[in-house]
Amino acid sequence: MKSQGLDFSDWVWEMVGGQPIQNEIRKGVPVPATTPLGETMSKELKRKGFKFVGPVIVYAWMQAAGIVNDHAEDCFRRGFCARIRRKV
């Protein structure tokens, strides 16, 4: 993406408005495997030439990177992850 004049980090955070998404997952409710945002980001990455970036993989990466907080409301990690912010 650098060759296209884009910084990957800036591009990703721009897609989520600069702040992590705090989903409200209730105990016993399955966490989604993907979302419309995961699908959109997957399509854009493929359009930019990336491979192996299907919507499920992209959404799992978003969760792992702290872009999406899908910890259940009663999970001990939810509060910590909710306080994570992008370092500018």
PDB file of N, CA and C in Angstrom:
ATOM      1  N   MET A   1       0.813  -1.187   0.000  1.00  0.00           N
ATOM      2  CA  MET A   1       0.000   0.000   0.000  1.00  0.00           C
ATOM      3  C   MET A   1       0.862   1.259   0.000  1.00  0.00           C
ATOM      4  N   LYS A   2       2.084   1.130   0.535  1.00  0.00           N
ATOM      5  CA  LYS A   2       2.982   2.288   0.536  1.00  0.00           C
ATOM      6  C   LYS A   2       3.239   2.766  -0.885  1.00  0.00           C
ATOM      7  N   SER A   3       3.332   1.805  -1.825  1.00  0.00           N
ATOM      8  CA  SER A   3       3.593   2.187  -3.212  1.00  0.00           C
ATOM      9  C   SER A   3       2.429   2.987  -3.785  1.00  0.00           C
ATOM     10  N   GLN A   4       1.248   2.846  -3.178  1.00  0.00           N
ATOM     11  CA  GLN A   4       0.076   3.602  -3.610  1.00  0.00           C
ATOM     12  C   GLN A   4      -0.083   4.892  -2.812  1.00  0.00           C
ATOM     13  N   GLY A   5       0.905   5.188  -1.953  1.00  0.00           N
ATOM     14  CA  GLY A   5       0.858   6.409  -1.152  1.00  0.00           C
ATOM     15  C   GLY A   5      -0.012   6.284   0.084  1.00  0.00           C
ATOM     16  N   LEU A   6      -0.308   5.062   0.490  1.00  0.00           N
ATOM     17  CA  LEU A   6      -1.168   4.847   1.642  1.00  0.00           C
ATOM     18  C   LEU A   6      -0.408   4.185   2.779  1.00  0.00           C
ATOM     19  N   ASP A   7      -0.652   4.598   3.992  1.00  0.00           N
ATOM     20  CA  ASP A   7      -0.124   3.933   5.165  1.00  0.00           C
ATOM     21  C   ASP A   7      -1.190   2.945   5.632  1.00  0.00           C
ATOM     22  N   PHE A   8      -0.822   1.667   5.748  1.00  0.00           N
ATOM     23  CA  PHE A   8      -1.790   0.630   6.092  1.00  0.00           C
ATOM     24  C   PHE A   8      -2.515   0.935   7.402  1.00  0.00           C
ATOM     25  N   SER A   9      -1.779   1.314   8.402  1.00  0.00           N
ATOM     26  CA  SER A   9      -2.382   1.615   9.698  1.00  0.00           C
ATOM     27  C   SER A   9      -3.401   2.749   9.582  1.00  0.00           C
ATOM     28  N   ASP A  10      -3.022   3.821   8.908  1.00  0.00           N
ATOM     29  CA  ASP A  10      -3.951   4.947   8.730  1.00  0.00           C
ATOM     30  C   ASP A  10      -5.198   4.501   7.981  1.00  0.00           C
ATOM     31  N   TRP A  11      -5.020   3.689   6.962  1.00  0.00           N
ATOM     32  CA  TRP A  11      -6.147   3.210   6.161  1.00  0.00           C
ATOM     33  C   TRP A  11      -7.112   2.384   7.002  1.00  0.00           C
ATOM     34  N   VAL A  12      -6.555   1.452   7.800  1.00  0.00           N
ATOM     35  CA  VAL A  12      -7.393   0.594   8.638  1.00  0.00           C
ATOM     36  C   VAL A  12      -8.159   1.423   9.660  1.00  0.00           C
ATOM     37  N   TRP A  13      -7.457   2.288  10.382  1.00  0.00           N
ATOM     38  CA  TRP A  13      -8.123   3.072  11.423  1.00  0.00           C
ATOM     39  C   TRP A  13      -9.128   4.065  10.837  1.00  0.00           C
ATOM     40  N   GLU A  14      -8.880   4.530   9.641  1.00  0.00           N
ATOM     41  CA  GLU A  14      -9.851   5.406   8.984  1.00  0.00           C
ATOM     42  C   GLU A  14     -11.158   4.661   8.731  1.00  0.00           C
ATOM     43  N   MET A  15     -11.055   3.369   8.421  1.00  0.00           N
ATOM     44  CA  MET A  15     -12.257   2.571   8.150  1.00  0.00           C
ATOM     45  C   MET A  15     -13.133   2.399   9.389  1.00  0.00           C
ATOM     46  N   VAL A  16     -12.543   2.539  10.591  1.00  0.00           N
ATOM     47  CA  VAL A  16     -13.324   2.388  11.823  1.00  0.00           C
ATOM     48  C   VAL A  16     -13.463   3.709  12.574  1.00  0.00           C
ATOM     49  N   GLY A  17     -13.185   4.803  11.912  1.00  0.00           N
ATOM     50  CA  GLY A  17     -13.367   6.110  12.532  1.00  0.00           C
ATOM     51  C   GLY A  17     -12.328   6.457  13.589  1.00  0.00           C
ATOM     52  N   GLY A  18     -11.173   5.769  13.569  1.00  0.00           N
ATOM     53  CA  GLY A  18     -10.094   6.109  14.478  1.00  0.00           C
ATOM     54  C   GLY A  18     -10.189   5.521  15.870  1.00  0.00           C
ATOM     55  N   GLN A  19     -11.261   4.806  16.168  1.00  0.00           N
ATOM     56  CA  GLN A  19     -11.452   4.222  17.495  1.00  0.00           C
ATOM     57  C   GLN A  19     -11.848   2.761  17.365  1.00  0.00           C
ATOM     58  N   PRO A  20     -11.438   1.926  18.330  1.00  0.00           N
ATOM     59  CA  PRO A  20     -11.855   0.524  18.291  1.00  0.00           C
ATOM     60  C   PRO A  20     -13.382   0.399  18.383  1.00  0.00           C
ATOM     61  N   ILE A  21     -13.916  -0.579  17.718  1.00  0.00           N
ATOM     62  CA  ILE A  21     -15.353  -0.855  17.764  1.00  0.00           C
ATOM     63  C   ILE A  21     -15.627  -1.685  19.010  1.00  0.00           C
ATOM     64  N   GLN A  22     -16.569  -1.237  19.826  1.00  0.00           N
ATOM     65  CA  GLN A  22     -16.936  -1.932  21.058  1.00  0.00           C
ATOM     66  C   GLN A  22     -18.273  -2.636  20.840  1.00  0.00           C
ATOM     67  N   ASN A  23     -18.218  -3.890  20.450  1.00  0.00           N
ATOM     68  CA  ASN A  23     -19.458  -4.643  20.245  1.00  0.00           C
ATOM     69  C   ASN A  23     -20.008  -5.124  21.583  1.00  0.00           C
ATOM     70  N   GLU A  24     -21.315  -5.207  21.659  1.00  0.00           N
ATOM     71  CA  GLU A  24     -21.961  -5.681  22.873  1.00  0.00           C
ATOM     72  C   GLU A  24     -22.342  -7.142  22.686  1.00  0.00           C
ATOM     73  N   ILE A  25     -21.518  -8.004  23.235  1.00  0.00           N
ATOM     74  CA  ILE A  25     -21.736  -9.440  23.134  1.00  0.00           C
ATOM     75  C   ILE A  25     -22.235  -9.932  24.491  1.00  0.00           C
ATOM     76  N   ARG A  26     -23.394 -10.516  24.491  1.00  0.00           N
ATOM     77  CA  ARG A  26     -23.970 -11.029  25.740  1.00  0.00           C
ATOM     78  C   ARG A  26     -23.516 -12.467  25.978  1.00  0.00           C
ATOM     79  N   LYS A  27     -23.451 -12.837  27.236  1.00  0.00           N
ATOM     80  CA  LYS A  27     -23.045 -14.182  27.621  1.00  0.00           C
ATOM     81  C   LYS A  27     -23.948 -15.205  26.931  1.00  0.00           C
ATOM     82  N   GLY A  28     -23.332 -16.209  26.329  1.00  0.00           N
ATOM     83  CA  GLY A  28     -24.073 -17.269  25.665  1.00  0.00           C
ATOM     84  C   GLY A  28     -24.446 -16.973  24.222  1.00  0.00           C
ATOM     85  N   VAL A  29     -24.215 -15.748  23.761  1.00  0.00           N
ATOM     86  CA  VAL A  29     -24.516 -15.379  22.379  1.00  0.00           C
ATOM     87  C   VAL A  29     -23.240 -15.555  21.566  1.00  0.00           C
ATOM     88  N   PRO A  30     -23.303 -16.262  20.437  1.00  0.00           N
ATOM     89  CA  PRO A  30     -22.082 -16.477  19.656  1.00  0.00           C
ATOM     90  C   PRO A  30     -21.502 -15.175  19.093  1.00  0.00           C
ATOM     91  N   VAL A  31     -20.187 -15.117  19.096  1.00  0.00           N
ATOM     92  CA  VAL A  31     -19.487 -13.970  18.509  1.00  0.00           C
ATOM     93  C   VAL A  31     -19.545 -14.142  17.000  1.00  0.00           C
ATOM     94  N   PRO A  32     -19.819 -13.061  16.255  1.00  0.00           N
ATOM     95  CA  PRO A  32     -19.901 -13.210  14.797  1.00  0.00           C
ATOM     96  C   PRO A  32     -18.561 -13.596  14.184  1.00  0.00           C
ATOM     97  N   ALA A  33     -18.626 -14.362  13.107  1.00  0.00           N
ATOM     98  CA  ALA A  33     -17.409 -14.750  12.379  1.00  0.00           C
ATOM     99  C   ALA A  33     -16.944 -13.628  11.466  1.00  0.00           C
ATOM    100  N   THR A  34     -17.857 -12.776  11.075  1.00  0.00           N
ATOM    101  CA  THR A  34     -17.535 -11.599  10.264  1.00  0.00           C
ATOM    102  C   THR A  34     -18.680 -10.605  10.409  1.00  0.00           C
ATOM    103  N   THR A  35     -18.489  -9.432   9.848  1.00  0.00           N
ATOM    104  CA  THR A  35     -19.487  -8.364   9.876  1.00  0.00           C
ATOM    105  C   THR A  35     -19.456  -7.662   8.518  1.00  0.00           C
ATOM    106  N   PRO A  36     -20.394  -6.783   8.265  1.00  0.00           N
ATOM    107  CA  PRO A  36     -20.321  -6.022   7.014  1.00  0.00           C
ATOM    108  C   PRO A  36     -18.998  -5.254   6.878  1.00  0.00           C
ATOM    109  N   LEU A  37     -18.460  -4.747   7.992  1.00  0.00           N
ATOM    110  CA  LEU A  37     -17.178  -4.056   7.921  1.00  0.00           C
ATOM    111  C   LEU A  37     -16.057  -5.017   7.521  1.00  0.00           C
ATOM    112  N   GLY A  38     -16.063  -6.231   8.062  1.00  0.00           N
ATOM    113  CA  GLY A  38     -15.075  -7.238   7.677  1.00  0.00           C
ATOM    114  C   GLY A  38     -15.163  -7.571   6.204  1.00  0.00           C
ATOM    115  N   GLU A  39     -16.384  -7.648   5.697  1.00  0.00           N
ATOM    116  CA  GLU A  39     -16.589  -7.931   4.273  1.00  0.00           C
ATOM    117  C   GLU A  39     -16.100  -6.774   3.407  1.00  0.00           C
ATOM    118  N   THR A  40     -16.396  -5.544   3.831  1.00  0.00           N
ATOM    119  CA  THR A  40     -15.957  -4.366   3.077  1.00  0.00           C
ATOM    120  C   THR A  40     -14.436  -4.276   3.048  1.00  0.00           C
ATOM    121  N   MET A  41     -13.819  -4.460   4.225  1.00  0.00           N
ATOM    122  CA  MET A  41     -12.361  -4.376   4.294  1.00  0.00           C
ATOM    123  C   MET A  41     -11.723  -5.481   3.451  1.00  0.00           C
ATOM    124  N   SER A  42     -12.294  -6.682   3.477  1.00  0.00           N
ATOM    125  CA  SER A  42     -11.792  -7.789   2.674  1.00  0.00           C
ATOM    126  C   SER A  42     -11.825  -7.442   1.189  1.00  0.00           C
ATOM    127  N   LYS A  43     -12.935  -6.912   0.724  1.00  0.00           N
ATOM    128  CA  LYS A  43     -13.065  -6.546  -0.691  1.00  0.00           C
ATOM    129  C   LYS A  43     -12.048  -5.482  -1.084  1.00  0.00           C
ATOM    130  N   GLU A  44     -11.861  -4.486  -0.211  1.00  0.00           N
ATOM    131  CA  GLU A  44     -10.903  -3.421  -0.510  1.00  0.00           C
ATOM    132  C   GLU A  44      -9.476  -3.945  -0.551  1.00  0.00           C
ATOM    133  N   LEU A  45      -9.126  -4.822   0.391  1.00  0.00           N
ATOM    134  CA  LEU A  45      -7.783  -5.394   0.400  1.00  0.00           C
ATOM    135  C   LEU A  45      -7.528  -6.231  -0.851  1.00  0.00           C
ATOM    136  N   LYS A  46      -8.529  -7.009  -1.258  1.00  0.00           N
ATOM    137  CA  LYS A  46      -8.395  -7.800  -2.486  1.00  0.00           C
ATOM    138  C   LYS A  46      -8.225  -6.884  -3.694  1.00  0.00           C
ATOM    139  N   ARG A  47      -8.993  -5.808  -3.715  1.00  0.00           N
ATOM    140  CA  ARG A  47      -8.894  -4.842  -4.817  1.00  0.00           C
ATOM    141  C   ARG A  47      -7.498  -4.223  -4.881  1.00  0.00           C
ATOM    142  N   LYS A  48      -6.852  -4.100  -3.718  1.00  0.00           N
ATOM    143  CA  LYS A  48      -5.508  -3.522  -3.660  1.00  0.00           C
ATOM    144  C   LYS A  48      -4.416  -4.561  -3.890  1.00  0.00           C
ATOM    145  N   GLY A  49      -4.824  -5.819  -4.152  1.00  0.00           N
ATOM    146  CA  GLY A  49      -3.851  -6.838  -4.509  1.00  0.00           C
ATOM    147  C   GLY A  49      -3.479  -7.823  -3.415  1.00  0.00           C
ATOM    148  N   PHE A  50      -4.083  -7.702  -2.235  1.00  0.00           N
ATOM    149  CA  PHE A  50      -3.782  -8.644  -1.160  1.00  0.00           C
ATOM    150  C   PHE A  50      -4.412  -9.998  -1.466  1.00  0.00           C
ATOM    151  N   LYS A  51      -3.803 -11.052  -0.944  1.00  0.00           N
ATOM    152  CA  LYS A  51      -4.306 -12.420  -1.103  1.00  0.00           C
ATOM    153  C   LYS A  51      -4.655 -12.974   0.273  1.00  0.00           C
ATOM    154  N   PHE A  52      -5.494 -13.992   0.317  1.00  0.00           N
ATOM    155  CA  PHE A  52      -5.876 -14.664   1.566  1.00  0.00           C
ATOM    156  C   PHE A  52      -6.445 -13.680   2.590  1.00  0.00           C
ATOM    157  N   VAL A  53      -7.317 -12.821   2.145  1.00  0.00           N
ATOM    158  CA  VAL A  53      -7.930 -11.832   3.036  1.00  0.00           C
ATOM    159  C   VAL A  53      -9.455 -11.904   2.921  1.00  0.00           C
ATOM    160  N   GLY A  54      -9.978 -13.107   3.127  1.00  0.00           N
ATOM    161  CA  GLY A  54     -11.427 -13.258   3.126  1.00  0.00           C
ATOM    162  C   GLY A  54     -12.026 -12.559   4.325  1.00  0.00           C
ATOM    163  N   PRO A  55     -13.341 -12.361   4.345  1.00  0.00           N
ATOM    164  CA  PRO A  55     -13.988 -11.612   5.418  1.00  0.00           C
ATOM    165  C   PRO A  55     -13.808 -12.227   6.804  1.00  0.00           C
ATOM    166  N   VAL A  56     -13.761 -13.552   6.911  1.00  0.00           N
ATOM    167  CA  VAL A  56     -13.577 -14.184   8.219  1.00  0.00           C
ATOM    168  C   VAL A  56     -12.149 -13.952   8.723  1.00  0.00           C
ATOM    169  N   ILE A  57     -11.170 -14.114   7.836  1.00  0.00           N
ATOM    170  CA  ILE A  57      -9.780 -13.873   8.217  1.00  0.00           C
ATOM    171  C   ILE A  57      -9.581 -12.418   8.610  1.00  0.00           C
ATOM    172  N   VAL A  58     -10.124 -11.508   7.842  1.00  0.00           N
ATOM    173  CA  VAL A  58      -9.974 -10.081   8.131  1.00  0.00           C
ATOM    174  C   VAL A  58     -10.621  -9.745   9.468  1.00  0.00           C
ATOM    175  N   TYR A  59     -11.810 -10.287   9.727  1.00  0.00           N
ATOM    176  CA  TYR A  59     -12.486  -9.973  10.987  1.00  0.00           C
ATOM    177  C   TYR A  59     -11.726 -10.562  12.175  1.00  0.00           C
ATOM    178  N   ALA A  60     -11.196 -11.771  12.036  1.00  0.00           N
ATOM    179  CA  ALA A  60     -10.392 -12.369  13.106  1.00  0.00           C
ATOM    180  C   ALA A  60      -9.152 -11.515  13.368  1.00  0.00           C
ATOM    181  N   TRP A  61      -8.537 -10.999  12.325  1.00  0.00           N
ATOM    182  CA  TRP A  61      -7.382 -10.109  12.485  1.00  0.00           C
ATOM    183  C   TRP A  61      -7.796  -8.823  13.197  1.00  0.00           C
ATOM    184  N   MET A  62      -8.954  -8.275  12.837  1.00  0.00           N
ATOM    185  CA  MET A  62      -9.438  -7.058  13.493  1.00  0.00           C
ATOM    186  C   MET A  62      -9.628  -7.294  14.998  1.00  0.00           C
ATOM    187  N   GLN A  63     -10.132  -8.473  15.357  1.00  0.00           N
ATOM    188  CA  GLN A  63     -10.291  -8.808  16.770  1.00  0.00           C
ATOM    189  C   GLN A  63      -8.923  -8.921  17.449  1.00  0.00           C
ATOM    190  N   ALA A  64      -7.997  -9.648  16.820  1.00  0.00           N
ATOM    191  CA  ALA A  64      -6.671  -9.866  17.406  1.00  0.00           C
ATOM    192  C   ALA A  64      -5.877  -8.575  17.544  1.00  0.00           C
ATOM    193  N   ALA A  65      -6.063  -7.659  16.614  1.00  0.00           N
ATOM    194  CA  ALA A  65      -5.321  -6.402  16.619  1.00  0.00           C
ATOM    195  C   ALA A  65      -5.944  -5.348  17.522  1.00  0.00           C
ATOM    196  N   GLY A  66      -7.104  -5.637  18.083  1.00  0.00           N
ATOM    197  CA  GLY A  66      -7.755  -4.673  18.970  1.00  0.00           C
ATOM    198  C   GLY A  66      -8.583  -3.630  18.249  1.00  0.00           C
ATOM    199  N   ILE A  67      -8.853  -3.858  16.990  1.00  0.00           N
ATOM    200  CA  ILE A  67      -9.681  -2.936  16.219  1.00  0.00           C
ATOM    201  C   ILE A  67     -11.156  -3.164  16.557  1.00  0.00           C
ATOM    202  N   VAL A  68     -11.471  -4.406  16.940  1.00  0.00           N
ATOM    203  CA  VAL A  68     -12.830  -4.779  17.352  1.00  0.00           C
ATOM    204  C   VAL A  68     -12.727  -5.461  18.709  1.00  0.00           C
ATOM    205  N   ASN A  69     -13.558  -5.042  19.651  1.00  0.00           N
ATOM    206  CA  ASN A  69     -13.620  -5.679  20.966  1.00  0.00           C
ATOM    207  C   ASN A  69     -14.892  -6.519  21.022  1.00  0.00           C
ATOM    208  N   ASP A  70     -14.732  -7.830  20.893  1.00  0.00           N
ATOM    209  CA  ASP A  70     -15.866  -8.748  20.935  1.00  0.00           C
ATOM    210  C   ASP A  70     -15.897  -9.568  22.224  1.00  0.00           C
ATOM    211  N   HIS A  71     -15.209  -9.101  23.258  1.00  0.00           N
ATOM    212  CA  HIS A  71     -15.271  -9.807  24.536  1.00  0.00           C
ATOM    213  C   HIS A  71     -16.671  -9.647  25.109  1.00  0.00           C
ATOM    214  N   ALA A  72     -17.211 -10.721  25.657  1.00  0.00           N
ATOM    215  CA  ALA A  72     -18.545 -10.674  26.261  1.00  0.00           C
ATOM    216  C   ALA A  72     -18.556  -9.664  27.410  1.00  0.00           C
ATOM    217  N   GLU A  73     -19.739  -9.143  27.699  1.00  0.00           N
ATOM    218  CA  GLU A  73     -19.862  -8.112  28.733  1.00  0.00           C
ATOM    219  C   GLU A  73     -19.345  -8.571  30.091  1.00  0.00           C
ATOM    220  N   ASP A  74     -19.407  -9.880  30.373  1.00  0.00           N
ATOM    221  CA  ASP A  74     -18.937 -10.377  31.673  1.00  0.00           C
ATOM    222  C   ASP A  74     -17.502 -10.912  31.621  1.00  0.00           C
ATOM    223  N   CYS A  75     -16.807 -10.740  30.511  1.00  0.00           N
ATOM    224  CA  CYS A  75     -15.432 -11.227  30.371  1.00  0.00           C
ATOM    225  C   CYS A  75     -14.464 -10.284  31.088  1.00  0.00           C
ATOM    226  N   PHE A  76     -13.502 -10.859  31.798  1.00  0.00           N
ATOM    227  CA  PHE A  76     -12.538 -10.044  32.543  1.00  0.00           C
ATOM    228  C   PHE A  76     -11.654  -9.194  31.634  1.00  0.00           C
ATOM    229  N   ARG A  77     -11.535  -9.527  30.352  1.00  0.00           N
ATOM    230  CA  ARG A  77     -10.692  -8.770  29.418  1.00  0.00           C
ATOM    231  C   ARG A  77     -11.426  -7.613  28.739  1.00  0.00           C
ATOM    232  N   ARG A  78     -12.741  -7.586  28.814  1.00  0.00           N
ATOM    233  CA  ARG A  78     -13.520  -6.569  28.112  1.00  0.00           C
ATOM    234  C   ARG A  78     -13.101  -5.153  28.492  1.00  0.00           C
ATOM    235  N   GLY A  79     -13.028  -4.870  29.782  1.00  0.00           N
ATOM    236  CA  GLY A  79     -12.687  -3.521  30.233  1.00  0.00           C
ATOM    237  C   GLY A  79     -11.312  -3.088  29.771  1.00  0.00           C
ATOM    238  N   PHE A  80     -10.339  -3.980  29.887  1.00  0.00           N
ATOM    239  CA  PHE A  80      -8.986  -3.659  29.443  1.00  0.00           C
ATOM    240  C   PHE A  80      -8.979  -3.332  27.958  1.00  0.00           C
ATOM    241  N   CYS A  81      -9.609  -4.178  27.169  1.00  0.00           N
ATOM    242  CA  CYS A  81      -9.627  -3.971  25.712  1.00  0.00           C
ATOM    243  C   CYS A  81     -10.420  -2.724  25.332  1.00  0.00           C
ATOM    244  N   ALA A  82     -11.412  -2.371  26.123  1.00  0.00           N
ATOM    245  CA  ALA A  82     -12.205  -1.166  25.842  1.00  0.00           C
ATOM    246  C   ALA A  82     -11.365   0.099  26.030  1.00  0.00           C
ATOM    247  N   ARG A  83     -10.339   0.034  26.865  1.00  0.00           N
ATOM    248  CA  ARG A  83      -9.491   1.214  27.125  1.00  0.00           C
ATOM    249  C   ARG A  83      -8.369   1.370  26.108  1.00  0.00           C
ATOM    250  N   ILE A  84      -8.153   0.373  25.267  1.00  0.00           N
ATOM    251  CA  ILE A  84      -7.089   0.445  24.262  1.00  0.00           C
ATOM    252  C   ILE A  84      -7.476   1.489  23.217  1.00  0.00           C
ATOM    253  N   ARG A  85      -6.567   2.347  22.906  1.00  0.00           N
ATOM    254  CA  ARG A  85      -6.795   3.372  21.891  1.00  0.00           C
ATOM    255  C   ARG A  85      -5.622   3.367  20.921  1.00  0.00           C
ATOM    256  N   ARG A  86      -5.882   3.864  19.769  1.00  0.00           N
ATOM    257  CA  ARG A  86      -4.820   3.967  18.754  1.00  0.00           C
ATOM    258  C   ARG A  86      -3.782   4.965  19.213  1.00  0.00           C
ATOM    259  N   LYS A  87      -2.520   4.597  19.078  1.00  0.00           N
ATOM    260  CA  LYS A  87      -1.430   5.507  19.401  1.00  0.00           C
ATOM    261  C   LYS A  87      -1.077   6.269  18.140  1.00  0.00           C
ATOM    262  N   VAL A  88      -1.217   7.559  18.207  1.00  0.00           N
ATOM    263  CA  VAL A  88      -0.958   8.392  17.038  1.00  0.00           C
ATOM    264  C   VAL A  88       0.478   8.842  17.022  1.00  0.00           C
TER     265      VAL A  88
END
